[in-house]
């Protein structure tokens, strides 16, 4: 599932619109809409979004064969 789909799913759970999230983050105009449309967000942005949605975000890689996380 793309990051955009995950964010939109959380928005539904939180009864929040993209506009409301954008306002909460202090973004102007269509900045967040464009980021979501391109599904291109930095880890910093994802952490800010998670915080605004009262969620935790853990960007990690997990080796499938060993379970080691980086």
PDB file of N, CA and C in Angstrom:
ATOM      1  N   UNK A   1       0.848  -1.172   0.000  1.00  0.00           N
ATOM      2  CA  UNK A   1       0.000   0.000   0.000  1.00  0.00           C
ATOM      3  C   UNK A   1       0.894   1.236   0.000  1.00  0.00           C
ATOM      4  N   UNK A   2       0.559   2.179  -0.858  1.00  0.00           N
ATOM      5  CA  UNK A   2       1.363   3.394  -0.950  1.00  0.00           C
ATOM      6  C   UNK A   2       1.192   4.235   0.320  1.00  0.00           C
ATOM      7  N   UNK A   3       2.134   5.124   0.542  1.00  0.00           N
ATOM      8  CA  UNK A   3       2.072   5.992   1.708  1.00  0.00           C
ATOM      9  C   UNK A   3       0.834   6.894   1.633  1.00  0.00           C
ATOM     10  N   UNK A   4       0.500   7.353   0.432  1.00  0.00           N
ATOM     11  CA  UNK A   4      -0.689   8.188   0.259  1.00  0.00           C
ATOM     12  C   UNK A   4      -1.944   7.435   0.680  1.00  0.00           C
ATOM     13  N   UNK A   5      -2.065   6.177   0.275  1.00  0.00           N
ATOM     14  CA  UNK A   5      -3.235   5.377   0.652  1.00  0.00           C
ATOM     15  C   UNK A   5      -3.292   5.182   2.166  1.00  0.00           C
ATOM     16  N   UNK A   6      -2.139   4.978   2.779  1.00  0.00           N
ATOM     17  CA  UNK A   6      -2.095   4.813   4.231  1.00  0.00           C
ATOM     18  C   UNK A   6      -2.565   6.084   4.927  1.00  0.00           C
ATOM     19  N   UNK A   7      -2.087   7.232   4.443  1.00  0.00           N
ATOM     20  CA  UNK A   7      -2.478   8.511   5.044  1.00  0.00           C
ATOM     21  C   UNK A   7      -3.976   8.741   4.861  1.00  0.00           C
ATOM     22  N   UNK A   8      -4.484   8.461   3.675  1.00  0.00           N
ATOM     23  CA  UNK A   8      -5.911   8.650   3.424  1.00  0.00           C
ATOM     24  C   UNK A   8      -6.758   7.717   4.286  1.00  0.00           C
ATOM     25  N   UNK A   9      -6.288   6.510   4.522  1.00  0.00           N
ATOM     26  CA  UNK A   9      -6.982   5.564   5.390  1.00  0.00           C
ATOM     27  C   UNK A   9      -7.045   6.107   6.817  1.00  0.00           C
ATOM     28  N   UNK A  10      -5.935   6.654   7.286  1.00  0.00           N
ATOM     29  CA  UNK A  10      -5.908   7.227   8.634  1.00  0.00           C
ATOM     30  C   UNK A  10      -6.825   8.443   8.714  1.00  0.00           C
ATOM     31  N   UNK A  11      -6.837   9.251   7.660  1.00  0.00           N
ATOM     32  CA  UNK A  11      -7.729  10.417   7.639  1.00  0.00           C
ATOM     33  C   UNK A  11      -9.184   9.987   7.797  1.00  0.00           C
ATOM     34  N   UNK A  12      -9.560   8.918   7.124  1.00  0.00           N
ATOM     35  CA  UNK A  12     -10.930   8.403   7.243  1.00  0.00           C
ATOM     36  C   UNK A  12     -11.199   7.970   8.687  1.00  0.00           C
ATOM     37  N   UNK A  13     -10.239   7.246   9.267  1.00  0.00           N
ATOM     38  CA  UNK A  13     -10.390   6.784  10.659  1.00  0.00           C
ATOM     39  C   UNK A  13     -10.523   7.957  11.621  1.00  0.00           C
ATOM     40  N   UNK A  14      -9.842   9.057  11.314  1.00  0.00           N
ATOM     41  CA  UNK A  14      -9.829  10.230  12.192  1.00  0.00           C
ATOM     42  C   UNK A  14     -10.933  11.236  11.836  1.00  0.00           C
ATOM     43  N   UNK A  15     -11.752  10.906  10.835  1.00  0.00           N
ATOM     44  CA  UNK A  15     -12.794  11.834  10.381  1.00  0.00           C
ATOM     45  C   UNK A  15     -12.207  13.198  10.037  1.00  0.00           C
ATOM     46  N   UNK A  16     -11.124  13.196   9.283  1.00  0.00           N
ATOM     47  CA  UNK A  16     -10.408  14.417   8.944  1.00  0.00           C
ATOM     48  C   UNK A  16     -10.231  14.492   7.435  1.00  0.00           C
ATOM     49  N   UNK A  17     -10.243  15.698   6.901  1.00  0.00           N
ATOM     50  CA  UNK A  17     -10.017  15.888   5.469  1.00  0.00           C
ATOM     51  C   UNK A  17      -8.555  16.225   5.223  1.00  0.00           C
ATOM     52  N   UNK A  18      -8.160  16.132   3.968  1.00  0.00           N
ATOM     53  CA  UNK A  18      -6.804  16.530   3.595  1.00  0.00           C
ATOM     54  C   UNK A  18      -6.605  18.013   3.904  1.00  0.00           C
ATOM     55  N   UNK A  19      -7.632  18.813   3.670  1.00  0.00           N
ATOM     56  CA  UNK A  19      -7.560  20.253   3.952  1.00  0.00           C
ATOM     57  C   UNK A  19      -7.316  20.502   5.432  1.00  0.00           C
ATOM     58  N   UNK A  20      -8.016  19.760   6.285  1.00  0.00           N
ATOM     59  CA  UNK A  20      -7.831  19.920   7.728  1.00  0.00           C
ATOM     60  C   UNK A  20      -6.424  19.517   8.151  1.00  0.00           C
ATOM     61  N   UNK A  21      -5.919  18.434   7.576  1.00  0.00           N
ATOM     62  CA  UNK A  21      -4.554  18.014   7.870  1.00  0.00           C
ATOM     63  C   UNK A  21      -3.567  19.062   7.387  1.00  0.00           C
ATOM     64  N   UNK A  22      -3.782  19.560   6.196  1.00  0.00           N
ATOM     65  CA  UNK A  22      -2.923  20.587   5.628  1.00  0.00           C
ATOM     66  C   UNK A  22      -2.877  21.821   6.530  1.00  0.00           C
ATOM     67  N   UNK A  23      -4.040  22.250   6.999  1.00  0.00           N
ATOM     68  CA  UNK A  23      -4.110  23.402   7.911  1.00  0.00           C
ATOM     69  C   UNK A  23      -3.372  23.125   9.212  1.00  0.00           C
ATOM     70  N   UNK A  24      -3.546  21.922   9.731  1.00  0.00           N
ATOM     71  CA  UNK A  24      -2.894  21.526  10.982  1.00  0.00           C
ATOM     72  C   UNK A  24      -1.375  21.549  10.843  1.00  0.00           C
ATOM     73  N   UNK A  25      -0.898  21.212   9.647  1.00  0.00           N
ATOM     74  CA  UNK A  25       0.546  21.192   9.384  1.00  0.00           C
ATOM     75  C   UNK A  25       1.081  22.572   9.021  1.00  0.00           C
ATOM     76  N   UNK A  26       0.182  23.521   8.769  1.00  0.00           N
ATOM     77  CA  UNK A  26       0.608  24.863   8.398  1.00  0.00           C
ATOM     78  C   UNK A  26       1.007  24.991   6.938  1.00  0.00           C
ATOM     79  N   UNK A  27       0.569  24.048   6.111  1.00  0.00           N
ATOM     80  CA  UNK A  27       0.878  24.099   4.682  1.00  0.00           C
ATOM     81  C   UNK A  27      -0.057  25.074   3.979  1.00  0.00           C
ATOM     82  N   UNK A  28       0.449  25.732   2.973  1.00  0.00           N
ATOM     83  CA  UNK A  28      -0.336  26.701   2.215  1.00  0.00           C
ATOM     84  C   UNK A  28      -0.851  26.069   0.922  1.00  0.00           C
ATOM     85  N   UNK A  29      -2.018  26.521   0.488  1.00  0.00           N
ATOM     86  CA  UNK A  29      -2.557  26.136  -0.809  1.00  0.00           C
ATOM     87  C   UNK A  29      -2.667  24.634  -1.005  1.00  0.00           C
ATOM     88  N   UNK A  30      -2.216  24.191  -2.159  1.00  0.00           N
ATOM     89  CA  UNK A  30      -2.372  22.783  -2.542  1.00  0.00           C
ATOM     90  C   UNK A  30      -1.103  21.962  -2.313  1.00  0.00           C
ATOM     91  N   UNK A  31      -0.220  22.444  -1.469  1.00  0.00           N
ATOM     92  CA  UNK A  31       1.056  21.747  -1.238  1.00  0.00           C
ATOM     93  C   UNK A  31       0.851  20.278  -0.851  1.00  0.00           C
ATOM     94  N   UNK A  32       0.019  20.026   0.158  1.00  0.00           N
ATOM     95  CA  UNK A  32      -0.180  18.646   0.609  1.00  0.00           C
ATOM     96  C   UNK A  32      -0.882  17.811  -0.448  1.00  0.00           C
ATOM     97  N   UNK A  33      -1.866  18.385  -1.123  1.00  0.00           N
ATOM     98  CA  UNK A  33      -2.551  17.659  -2.203  1.00  0.00           C
ATOM     99  C   UNK A  33      -1.539  17.196  -3.254  1.00  0.00           C
ATOM    100  N   UNK A  34      -0.625  18.089  -3.624  1.00  0.00           N
ATOM    101  CA  UNK A  34       0.389  17.753  -4.631  1.00  0.00           C
ATOM    102  C   UNK A  34       1.336  16.674  -4.130  1.00  0.00           C
ATOM    103  N   UNK A  35       1.745  16.769  -2.870  1.00  0.00           N
ATOM    104  CA  UNK A  35       2.642  15.747  -2.306  1.00  0.00           C
ATOM    105  C   UNK A  35       1.960  14.379  -2.307  1.00  0.00           C
ATOM    106  N   UNK A  36       0.689  14.367  -1.925  1.00  0.00           N
ATOM    107  CA  UNK A  36      -0.043  13.099  -1.893  1.00  0.00           C
ATOM    108  C   UNK A  36      -0.265  12.559  -3.297  1.00  0.00           C
ATOM    109  N   UNK A  37      -0.527  13.433  -4.256  1.00  0.00           N
ATOM    110  CA  UNK A  37      -0.752  13.002  -5.639  1.00  0.00           C
ATOM    111  C   UNK A  37       0.502  12.347  -6.212  1.00  0.00           C
ATOM    112  N   UNK A  38       1.660  12.868  -5.848  1.00  0.00           N
ATOM    113  CA  UNK A  38       2.927  12.304  -6.339  1.00  0.00           C
ATOM    114  C   UNK A  38       3.440  11.178  -5.453  1.00  0.00           C
ATOM    115  N   UNK A  39       2.822  11.020  -4.271  1.00  0.00           N
ATOM    116  CA  UNK A  39       3.261  10.025  -3.287  1.00  0.00           C
ATOM    117  C   UNK A  39       4.753  10.187  -2.997  1.00  0.00           C
ATOM    118  N   UNK A  40       5.169  11.458  -2.848  1.00  0.00           N
ATOM    119  CA  UNK A  40       6.576  11.767  -2.569  1.00  0.00           C
ATOM    120  C   UNK A  40       6.642  12.644  -1.332  1.00  0.00           C
ATOM    121  N   UNK A  41       7.006  12.020  -0.220  1.00  0.00           N
ATOM    122  CA  UNK A  41       7.155  12.751   1.028  1.00  0.00           C
ATOM    123  C   UNK A  41       8.450  12.344   1.687  1.00  0.00           C
ATOM    124  N   UNK A  42       9.090  13.297   2.313  1.00  0.00           N
ATOM    125  CA  UNK A  42      10.321  12.988   3.030  1.00  0.00           C
ATOM    126  C   UNK A  42       9.962  12.300   4.343  1.00  0.00           C
ATOM    127  N   UNK A  43      10.944  11.685   4.951  1.00  0.00           N
ATOM    128  CA  UNK A  43      10.706  11.044   6.240  1.00  0.00           C
ATOM    129  C   UNK A  43      10.296  12.092   7.271  1.00  0.00           C
ATOM    130  N   UNK A  44      10.881  13.267   7.201  1.00  0.00           N
ATOM    131  CA  UNK A  44      10.517  14.348   8.116  1.00  0.00           C
ATOM    132  C   UNK A  44       9.048  14.716   7.944  1.00  0.00           C
ATOM    133  N   UNK A  45       8.601  14.833   6.698  1.00  0.00           N
ATOM    134  CA  UNK A  45       7.196  15.148   6.441  1.00  0.00           C
ATOM    135  C   UNK A  45       6.282  14.039   6.959  1.00  0.00           C
ATOM    136  N   UNK A  46       6.683  12.799   6.761  1.00  0.00           N
ATOM    137  CA  UNK A  46       5.873  11.679   7.236  1.00  0.00           C
ATOM    138  C   UNK A  46       5.763  11.689   8.756  1.00  0.00           C
ATOM    139  N   UNK A  47       6.838  12.031   9.416  1.00  0.00           N
ATOM    140  CA  UNK A  47       6.803  12.117  10.887  1.00  0.00           C
ATOM    141  C   UNK A  47       5.891  13.264  11.345  1.00  0.00           C
ATOM    142  N   UNK A  48       5.924  14.384  10.633  1.00  0.00           N
ATOM    143  CA  UNK A  48       5.045  15.511  10.962  1.00  0.00           C
ATOM    144  C   UNK A  48       3.582  15.137  10.739  1.00  0.00           C
ATOM    145  N   UNK A  49       3.322  14.445   9.641  1.00  0.00           N
ATOM    146  CA  UNK A  49       1.956  13.998   9.340  1.00  0.00           C
ATOM    147  C   UNK A  49       1.481  13.028  10.417  1.00  0.00           C
ATOM    148  N   UNK A  50       2.324  12.079  10.771  1.00  0.00           N
ATOM    149  CA  UNK A  50       1.970  11.110  11.810  1.00  0.00           C
ATOM    150  C   UNK A  50       1.653  11.819  13.118  1.00  0.00           C
ATOM    151  N   UNK A  51       2.474  12.786  13.482  1.00  0.00           N
ATOM    152  CA  UNK A  51       2.251  13.530  14.715  1.00  0.00           C
ATOM    153  C   UNK A  51       0.914  14.276  14.661  1.00  0.00           C
ATOM    154  N   UNK A  52       0.626  14.910  13.529  1.00  0.00           N
ATOM    155  CA  UNK A  52      -0.631  15.645  13.358  1.00  0.00           C
ATOM    156  C   UNK A  52      -1.836  14.707  13.420  1.00  0.00           C
ATOM    157  N   UNK A  53      -1.637  13.449  13.042  1.00  0.00           N
ATOM    158  CA  UNK A  53      -2.713  12.460  13.052  1.00  0.00           C
ATOM    159  C   UNK A  53      -2.718  11.628  14.336  1.00  0.00           C
ATOM    160  N   UNK A  54      -1.874  12.022  15.286  1.00  0.00           N
ATOM    161  CA  UNK A  54      -1.759  11.311  16.555  1.00  0.00           C
ATOM    162  C   UNK A  54      -1.407   9.831  16.339  1.00  0.00           C
ATOM    163  N   UNK A  55      -0.396   9.623  15.494  1.00  0.00           N
ATOM    164  CA  UNK A  55       0.093   8.276  15.178  1.00  0.00           C
ATOM    165  C   UNK A  55       1.602   8.248  15.359  1.00  0.00           C
ATOM    166  N   UNK A  56       2.141   7.049  15.413  1.00  0.00           N
ATOM    167  CA  UNK A  56       3.592   6.857  15.388  1.00  0.00           C
ATOM    168  C   UNK A  56       3.988   6.454  13.980  1.00  0.00           C
ATOM    169  N   UNK A  57       5.156   6.902  13.552  1.00  0.00           N
ATOM    170  CA  UNK A  57       5.689   6.507  12.255  1.00  0.00           C
ATOM    171  C   UNK A  57       7.079   5.947  12.481  1.00  0.00           C
ATOM    172  N   UNK A  58       7.293   4.727  12.042  1.00  0.00           N
ATOM    173  CA  UNK A  58       8.602   4.093  12.159  1.00  0.00           C
ATOM    174  C   UNK A  58       9.047   3.664  10.775  1.00  0.00           C
ATOM    175  N   UNK A  59       9.925   4.443  10.179  1.00  0.00           N
ATOM    176  CA  UNK A  59      10.456   4.105   8.860  1.00  0.00           C
ATOM    177  C   UNK A  59      11.657   3.191   9.019  1.00  0.00           C
ATOM    178  N   UNK A  60      11.435   1.907   8.835  1.00  0.00           N
ATOM    179  CA  UNK A  60      12.512   0.938   9.031  1.00  0.00           C
ATOM    180  C   UNK A  60      12.557  -0.061   7.876  1.00  0.00           C
ATOM    181  N   UNK A  61      13.733  -0.625   7.694  1.00  0.00           N
ATOM    182  CA  UNK A  61      13.904  -1.744   6.774  1.00  0.00           C
ATOM    183  C   UNK A  61      14.084  -2.992   7.622  1.00  0.00           C
ATOM    184  N   UNK A  62      13.408  -4.063   7.222  1.00  0.00           N
ATOM    185  CA  UNK A  62      13.534  -5.330   7.927  1.00  0.00           C
ATOM    186  C   UNK A  62      13.986  -6.400   6.942  1.00  0.00           C
ATOM    187  N   UNK A  63      15.119  -7.036   7.245  1.00  0.00           N
ATOM    188  CA  UNK A  63      15.600  -8.141   6.412  1.00  0.00           C
ATOM    189  C   UNK A  63      14.587  -9.269   6.493  1.00  0.00           C
ATOM    190  N   UNK A  64      14.132  -9.752   5.350  1.00  0.00           N
ATOM    191  CA  UNK A  64      13.125 -10.813   5.332  1.00  0.00           C
ATOM    192  C   UNK A  64      13.686 -12.152   5.800  1.00  0.00           C
ATOM    193  N   UNK A  65      14.966 -12.379   5.527  1.00  0.00           N
ATOM    194  CA  UNK A  65      15.530 -13.673   5.894  1.00  0.00           C
ATOM    195  C   UNK A  65      15.966 -13.747   7.351  1.00  0.00           C
ATOM    196  N   UNK A  66      16.360 -12.623   7.944  1.00  0.00           N
ATOM    197  CA  UNK A  66      16.854 -12.662   9.328  1.00  0.00           C
ATOM    198  C   UNK A  66      15.992 -11.894  10.306  1.00  0.00           C
ATOM    199  N   UNK A  67      15.153 -11.006   9.814  1.00  0.00           N
ATOM    200  CA  UNK A  67      14.344 -10.192  10.705  1.00  0.00           C
ATOM    201  C   UNK A  67      15.072  -8.985  11.272  1.00  0.00           C
ATOM    202  N   UNK A  68      16.357  -8.846  10.923  1.00  0.00           N
ATOM    203  CA  UNK A  68      17.133  -7.704  11.398  1.00  0.00           C
ATOM    204  C   UNK A  68      16.546  -6.416  10.853  1.00  0.00           C
ATOM    205  N   UNK A  69      16.464  -5.405  11.720  1.00  0.00           N
ATOM    206  CA  UNK A  69      15.892  -4.122  11.310  1.00  0.00           C
ATOM    207  C   UNK A  69      16.958  -3.038  11.292  1.00  0.00           C
ATOM    208  N   UNK A  70      16.864  -2.200  10.275  1.00  0.00           N
ATOM    209  CA  UNK A  70      17.811  -1.076  10.128  1.00  0.00           C
ATOM    210  C   UNK A  70      16.999   0.181   9.929  1.00  0.00           C
TER     211      UNK A  70
END
